N, C-alpha and C. Protein backbone atom coordinates (compact mmCIF):
# COMPACT_ATOMS: atom_id res chain seq x y z
N ALA A 1 -122.78 53.08 -5.85
CA ALA A 1 -121.76 53.11 -4.82
C ALA A 1 -121.77 51.83 -3.99
N THR A 2 -122.96 51.29 -3.76
CA THR A 2 -123.06 50.06 -2.97
C THR A 2 -122.36 48.90 -3.67
N GLU A 3 -122.49 48.83 -4.98
CA GLU A 3 -121.83 47.76 -5.73
C GLU A 3 -120.32 47.88 -5.63
N LEU A 4 -119.79 49.09 -5.71
CA LEU A 4 -118.35 49.29 -5.58
C LEU A 4 -117.88 48.89 -4.18
N LYS A 5 -118.68 49.19 -3.17
CA LYS A 5 -118.33 48.79 -1.81
C LYS A 5 -118.24 47.27 -1.73
N GLU A 6 -119.20 46.58 -2.33
CA GLU A 6 -119.19 45.12 -2.29
C GLU A 6 -117.98 44.55 -3.02
N VAL A 7 -117.61 45.14 -4.15
CA VAL A 7 -116.40 44.70 -4.87
C VAL A 7 -115.17 44.93 -3.99
N GLY A 8 -115.13 46.09 -3.34
CA GLY A 8 -114.02 46.39 -2.44
C GLY A 8 -113.92 45.38 -1.31
N THR A 9 -115.05 44.99 -0.78
CA THR A 9 -115.06 44.02 0.32
C THR A 9 -114.54 42.67 -0.14
N GLU A 10 -114.91 42.26 -1.33
CA GLU A 10 -114.38 40.99 -1.86
C GLU A 10 -112.88 41.07 -2.07
N LEU A 11 -112.39 42.20 -2.57
CA LEU A 11 -110.95 42.38 -2.74
C LEU A 11 -110.24 42.36 -1.39
N TYR A 12 -110.83 43.00 -0.40
CA TYR A 12 -110.24 43.02 0.95
C TYR A 12 -110.13 41.60 1.50
N LYS A 13 -111.16 40.81 1.31
CA LYS A 13 -111.18 39.45 1.85
C LYS A 13 -110.06 38.58 1.30
N VAL A 14 -109.59 38.88 0.09
CA VAL A 14 -108.51 38.09 -0.50
C VAL A 14 -107.16 38.79 -0.36
N GLY A 15 -107.12 39.84 0.47
CA GLY A 15 -105.84 40.48 0.77
C GLY A 15 -105.39 41.52 -0.23
N GLU A 16 -106.26 41.92 -1.13
CA GLU A 16 -105.92 42.96 -2.11
C GLU A 16 -106.33 44.32 -1.53
N TYR A 17 -105.57 44.76 -0.52
CA TYR A 17 -105.97 45.92 0.26
C TYR A 17 -105.94 47.23 -0.54
N ALA A 18 -104.91 47.44 -1.33
CA ALA A 18 -104.82 48.68 -2.10
C ALA A 18 -105.95 48.77 -3.11
N GLN A 19 -106.25 47.66 -3.78
CA GLN A 19 -107.33 47.66 -4.75
C GLN A 19 -108.68 47.84 -4.07
N ALA A 20 -108.84 47.23 -2.90
CA ALA A 20 -110.07 47.41 -2.13
C ALA A 20 -110.25 48.88 -1.76
N GLY A 21 -109.18 49.49 -1.30
CA GLY A 21 -109.23 50.91 -0.96
C GLY A 21 -109.62 51.77 -2.14
N GLY A 22 -109.14 51.42 -3.31
CA GLY A 22 -109.52 52.15 -4.52
C GLY A 22 -111.01 52.08 -4.79
N LYS A 23 -111.58 50.91 -4.61
CA LYS A 23 -113.02 50.74 -4.82
C LYS A 23 -113.82 51.50 -3.77
N TYR A 24 -113.37 51.43 -2.51
CA TYR A 24 -114.07 52.18 -1.46
C TYR A 24 -114.00 53.68 -1.72
N ALA A 25 -112.84 54.17 -2.13
CA ALA A 25 -112.67 55.60 -2.39
C ALA A 25 -113.54 56.03 -3.58
N GLU A 26 -113.59 55.19 -4.60
CA GLU A 26 -114.43 55.50 -5.76
C GLU A 26 -115.90 55.55 -5.35
N ALA A 27 -116.32 54.59 -4.54
CA ALA A 27 -117.71 54.58 -4.06
C ALA A 27 -118.01 55.83 -3.25
N LEU A 28 -117.08 56.23 -2.40
CA LEU A 28 -117.26 57.43 -1.58
C LEU A 28 -117.41 58.67 -2.45
N SER A 29 -116.63 58.73 -3.52
CA SER A 29 -116.68 59.89 -4.41
C SER A 29 -117.99 59.97 -5.19
N ARG A 30 -118.69 58.87 -5.31
CA ARG A 30 -119.95 58.85 -6.05
C ARG A 30 -121.16 59.22 -5.20
N LEU A 31 -120.97 59.33 -3.91
CA LEU A 31 -122.08 59.70 -3.04
C LEU A 31 -122.36 61.20 -3.16
N PRO A 32 -123.64 61.59 -2.99
CA PRO A 32 -123.94 63.02 -3.02
C PRO A 32 -123.27 63.72 -1.84
N PRO A 33 -123.01 65.01 -1.96
CA PRO A 33 -122.36 65.73 -0.86
C PRO A 33 -123.22 65.67 0.40
N ALA A 34 -122.54 65.69 1.54
CA ALA A 34 -123.24 65.70 2.82
C ALA A 34 -123.82 67.09 3.05
N PRO A 35 -124.93 67.22 3.71
CA PRO A 35 -125.75 66.12 4.21
C PRO A 35 -126.63 65.54 3.10
N ALA A 36 -126.67 64.26 3.03
CA ALA A 36 -127.52 63.56 2.07
C ALA A 36 -128.57 62.80 2.89
N GLY A 37 -129.29 61.95 2.25
CA GLY A 37 -130.29 61.16 2.97
C GLY A 37 -129.64 60.19 3.94
N ALA A 38 -130.44 59.63 4.82
CA ALA A 38 -129.94 58.72 5.85
C ALA A 38 -129.21 57.53 5.26
N GLU A 39 -129.72 56.98 4.17
CA GLU A 39 -129.09 55.81 3.55
C GLU A 39 -127.71 56.16 3.00
N ALA A 40 -127.60 57.30 2.34
CA ALA A 40 -126.31 57.73 1.79
C ALA A 40 -125.32 58.02 2.91
N GLU A 41 -125.79 58.64 3.99
CA GLU A 41 -124.88 58.95 5.10
C GLU A 41 -124.41 57.68 5.80
N GLU A 42 -125.28 56.70 5.92
CA GLU A 42 -124.88 55.42 6.52
C GLU A 42 -123.82 54.74 5.65
N LEU A 43 -124.02 54.77 4.34
CA LEU A 43 -123.04 54.18 3.43
C LEU A 43 -121.72 54.96 3.50
N ARG A 44 -121.80 56.28 3.60
CA ARG A 44 -120.58 57.10 3.71
C ARG A 44 -119.78 56.69 4.94
N GLN A 45 -120.45 56.48 6.07
CA GLN A 45 -119.77 56.08 7.30
C GLN A 45 -119.12 54.70 7.14
N LYS A 46 -119.84 53.77 6.53
CA LYS A 46 -119.29 52.42 6.31
C LYS A 46 -118.06 52.47 5.40
N LEU A 47 -118.14 53.27 4.36
CA LEU A 47 -117.00 53.38 3.44
C LEU A 47 -115.79 54.00 4.14
N ARG A 48 -116.02 55.00 4.96
CA ARG A 48 -114.91 55.62 5.70
C ARG A 48 -114.28 54.63 6.68
N LEU A 49 -115.12 53.85 7.35
CA LEU A 49 -114.59 52.83 8.26
C LEU A 49 -113.80 51.77 7.49
N ASN A 50 -114.31 51.38 6.33
CA ASN A 50 -113.59 50.40 5.51
C ASN A 50 -112.27 50.97 5.02
N LEU A 51 -112.27 52.23 4.61
CA LEU A 51 -111.02 52.86 4.18
C LEU A 51 -110.03 52.94 5.33
N ALA A 52 -110.52 53.23 6.52
CA ALA A 52 -109.63 53.27 7.68
C ALA A 52 -108.98 51.90 7.89
N GLN A 53 -109.76 50.84 7.77
CA GLN A 53 -109.22 49.49 7.95
C GLN A 53 -108.19 49.16 6.88
N VAL A 54 -108.47 49.55 5.64
CA VAL A 54 -107.52 49.34 4.55
C VAL A 54 -106.21 50.06 4.86
N TYR A 55 -106.31 51.32 5.27
CA TYR A 55 -105.09 52.08 5.55
C TYR A 55 -104.32 51.52 6.74
N LEU A 56 -105.02 50.95 7.70
CA LEU A 56 -104.32 50.26 8.79
C LEU A 56 -103.53 49.09 8.24
N LYS A 57 -104.14 48.31 7.36
CA LYS A 57 -103.44 47.15 6.77
C LYS A 57 -102.22 47.59 5.97
N LEU A 58 -102.32 48.78 5.35
CA LEU A 58 -101.22 49.30 4.53
C LEU A 58 -100.23 50.14 5.34
N SER A 59 -100.43 50.21 6.67
CA SER A 59 -99.60 51.01 7.57
C SER A 59 -99.59 52.49 7.22
N SER A 60 -100.68 52.97 6.65
CA SER A 60 -100.86 54.40 6.37
C SER A 60 -101.69 54.99 7.51
N PHE A 61 -101.02 55.16 8.65
CA PHE A 61 -101.73 55.48 9.88
C PHE A 61 -102.38 56.86 9.88
N ASP A 62 -101.75 57.84 9.26
CA ASP A 62 -102.35 59.17 9.20
C ASP A 62 -103.65 59.15 8.40
N ALA A 63 -103.65 58.44 7.28
CA ALA A 63 -104.86 58.34 6.45
C ALA A 63 -105.96 57.59 7.20
N ALA A 64 -105.60 56.53 7.90
CA ALA A 64 -106.58 55.78 8.68
C ALA A 64 -107.20 56.67 9.75
N GLU A 65 -106.36 57.42 10.43
CA GLU A 65 -106.85 58.32 11.47
C GLU A 65 -107.78 59.38 10.89
N ALA A 66 -107.44 59.91 9.74
CA ALA A 66 -108.28 60.94 9.11
C ALA A 66 -109.68 60.41 8.80
N HIS A 67 -109.76 59.19 8.31
CA HIS A 67 -111.08 58.62 8.02
C HIS A 67 -111.86 58.37 9.30
N CYS A 68 -111.20 57.94 10.33
CA CYS A 68 -111.87 57.76 11.62
C CYS A 68 -112.35 59.09 12.18
N ASP A 69 -111.54 60.12 12.03
CA ASP A 69 -111.94 61.46 12.48
C ASP A 69 -113.22 61.91 11.77
N ALA A 70 -113.30 61.62 10.47
CA ALA A 70 -114.50 62.00 9.71
C ALA A 70 -115.73 61.26 10.22
N VAL A 71 -115.57 59.97 10.52
CA VAL A 71 -116.69 59.20 11.07
C VAL A 71 -117.10 59.78 12.42
N LEU A 72 -116.13 60.04 13.27
CA LEU A 72 -116.41 60.54 14.61
C LEU A 72 -116.98 61.95 14.62
N ALA A 73 -116.70 62.72 13.59
CA ALA A 73 -117.29 64.06 13.48
C ALA A 73 -118.81 63.96 13.33
N ALA A 74 -119.26 62.90 12.69
CA ALA A 74 -120.69 62.69 12.50
C ALA A 74 -121.32 61.87 13.62
N ASP A 75 -120.51 61.03 14.27
CA ASP A 75 -121.04 60.14 15.32
C ASP A 75 -119.95 59.90 16.36
N ARG A 76 -119.97 60.69 17.42
CA ARG A 76 -118.95 60.58 18.47
C ARG A 76 -118.99 59.26 19.21
N THR A 77 -120.06 58.49 19.05
CA THR A 77 -120.21 57.23 19.80
C THR A 77 -119.94 56.01 18.93
N CYS A 78 -119.25 56.16 17.84
CA CYS A 78 -118.93 55.02 16.98
C CYS A 78 -117.70 54.30 17.54
N ALA A 79 -117.95 53.20 18.23
CA ALA A 79 -116.87 52.45 18.88
C ALA A 79 -115.86 51.92 17.86
N LYS A 80 -116.35 51.50 16.71
CA LYS A 80 -115.45 50.96 15.68
C LYS A 80 -114.47 52.04 15.21
N ALA A 81 -114.95 53.26 15.04
CA ALA A 81 -114.07 54.36 14.63
C ALA A 81 -113.06 54.70 15.72
N LEU A 82 -113.51 54.69 16.97
CA LEU A 82 -112.58 54.94 18.08
C LEU A 82 -111.51 53.85 18.14
N PHE A 83 -111.93 52.60 17.98
CA PHE A 83 -110.98 51.49 18.04
C PHE A 83 -109.95 51.59 16.91
N ARG A 84 -110.43 51.85 15.70
CA ARG A 84 -109.51 51.93 14.56
C ARG A 84 -108.61 53.16 14.66
N ARG A 85 -109.16 54.26 15.16
CA ARG A 85 -108.30 55.44 15.35
C ARG A 85 -107.24 55.15 16.41
N GLY A 86 -107.64 54.41 17.45
CA GLY A 86 -106.67 54.00 18.46
C GLY A 86 -105.56 53.15 17.87
N GLN A 87 -105.92 52.24 16.98
CA GLN A 87 -104.91 51.41 16.31
C GLN A 87 -103.99 52.28 15.46
N ALA A 88 -104.57 53.23 14.74
CA ALA A 88 -103.76 54.13 13.90
C ALA A 88 -102.80 54.94 14.77
N ARG A 89 -103.29 55.41 15.89
CA ARG A 89 -102.44 56.21 16.78
C ARG A 89 -101.34 55.35 17.40
N LEU A 90 -101.65 54.10 17.69
CA LEU A 90 -100.60 53.18 18.14
C LEU A 90 -99.53 53.04 17.07
N GLY A 91 -99.98 52.92 15.83
CA GLY A 91 -99.05 52.75 14.71
C GLY A 91 -98.10 53.91 14.53
N ARG A 92 -98.53 55.09 14.92
CA ARG A 92 -97.64 56.25 14.81
C ARG A 92 -97.10 56.69 16.16
N ASP A 93 -97.17 55.78 17.14
CA ASP A 93 -96.57 55.97 18.47
C ASP A 93 -97.17 57.12 19.27
N ALA A 94 -98.43 57.45 19.04
CA ALA A 94 -99.13 58.45 19.86
C ALA A 94 -99.87 57.67 20.95
N LEU A 95 -99.09 57.18 21.90
CA LEU A 95 -99.61 56.20 22.86
C LEU A 95 -100.70 56.74 23.77
N HIS A 96 -100.58 57.96 24.26
CA HIS A 96 -101.60 58.50 25.17
C HIS A 96 -102.93 58.69 24.44
N GLU A 97 -102.85 59.22 23.22
CA GLU A 97 -104.06 59.40 22.42
C GLU A 97 -104.68 58.04 22.08
N ALA A 98 -103.83 57.08 21.75
CA ALA A 98 -104.32 55.74 21.42
C ALA A 98 -105.04 55.12 22.61
N LEU A 99 -104.45 55.24 23.77
CA LEU A 99 -105.07 54.69 24.97
C LEU A 99 -106.44 55.30 25.23
N ALA A 100 -106.55 56.61 25.08
CA ALA A 100 -107.83 57.29 25.28
C ALA A 100 -108.88 56.75 24.32
N ASP A 101 -108.51 56.58 23.04
CA ASP A 101 -109.46 56.05 22.06
C ASP A 101 -109.86 54.61 22.38
N LEU A 102 -108.88 53.79 22.71
CA LEU A 102 -109.17 52.38 22.97
C LEU A 102 -110.02 52.21 24.22
N LEU A 103 -109.75 53.00 25.24
CA LEU A 103 -110.59 52.95 26.44
C LEU A 103 -112.00 53.45 26.14
N GLY A 104 -112.09 54.47 25.31
CA GLY A 104 -113.41 54.98 24.91
C GLY A 104 -114.21 53.92 24.16
N ALA A 105 -113.54 53.19 23.28
CA ALA A 105 -114.22 52.12 22.54
C ALA A 105 -114.68 51.03 23.50
N CYS A 106 -113.85 50.71 24.47
CA CYS A 106 -114.21 49.68 25.46
C CYS A 106 -115.41 50.10 26.30
N LYS A 107 -115.48 51.38 26.64
CA LYS A 107 -116.62 51.88 27.42
C LYS A 107 -117.92 51.82 26.62
N LEU A 108 -117.81 52.09 25.31
CA LEU A 108 -119.01 52.07 24.47
C LEU A 108 -119.48 50.66 24.18
N GLU A 109 -118.55 49.72 24.05
CA GLU A 109 -118.89 48.34 23.73
C GLU A 109 -118.07 47.38 24.61
N PRO A 110 -118.39 47.30 25.89
CA PRO A 110 -117.59 46.47 26.79
C PRO A 110 -117.63 44.99 26.45
N GLN A 111 -118.64 44.54 25.74
CA GLN A 111 -118.75 43.13 25.39
C GLN A 111 -117.92 42.75 24.14
N ASN A 112 -117.42 43.76 23.43
CA ASN A 112 -116.66 43.51 22.21
C ASN A 112 -115.26 43.02 22.56
N ARG A 113 -114.85 41.90 22.02
CA ARG A 113 -113.56 41.30 22.34
C ARG A 113 -112.40 41.80 21.49
N ASP A 114 -112.69 42.60 20.45
CA ASP A 114 -111.60 43.11 19.61
C ASP A 114 -110.75 44.05 20.43
């Protein structure tokens, strides 16, 4: 699964977002069911965050939000998931929800300039 994630990341870097998402999704499907070991769960979270970013690039805001929700279900303090979910909610014009997420991300990581 780690190798597929790395291939997906290389595809993402060159703007091949749909193909990158395919690799991330394939890697996610190869992980053992949750709860798995700490290493597998960490990789699962990274893959979900990467998929959320891919879906943001593809303007698939509902799918991006769903992946962020999955990350936040396991870790309510993941600023990156809150930020990306906020972006997804902005994309679908859920402005109040987006603001809450973006402010939450800022509170968790005030030094982050994104």
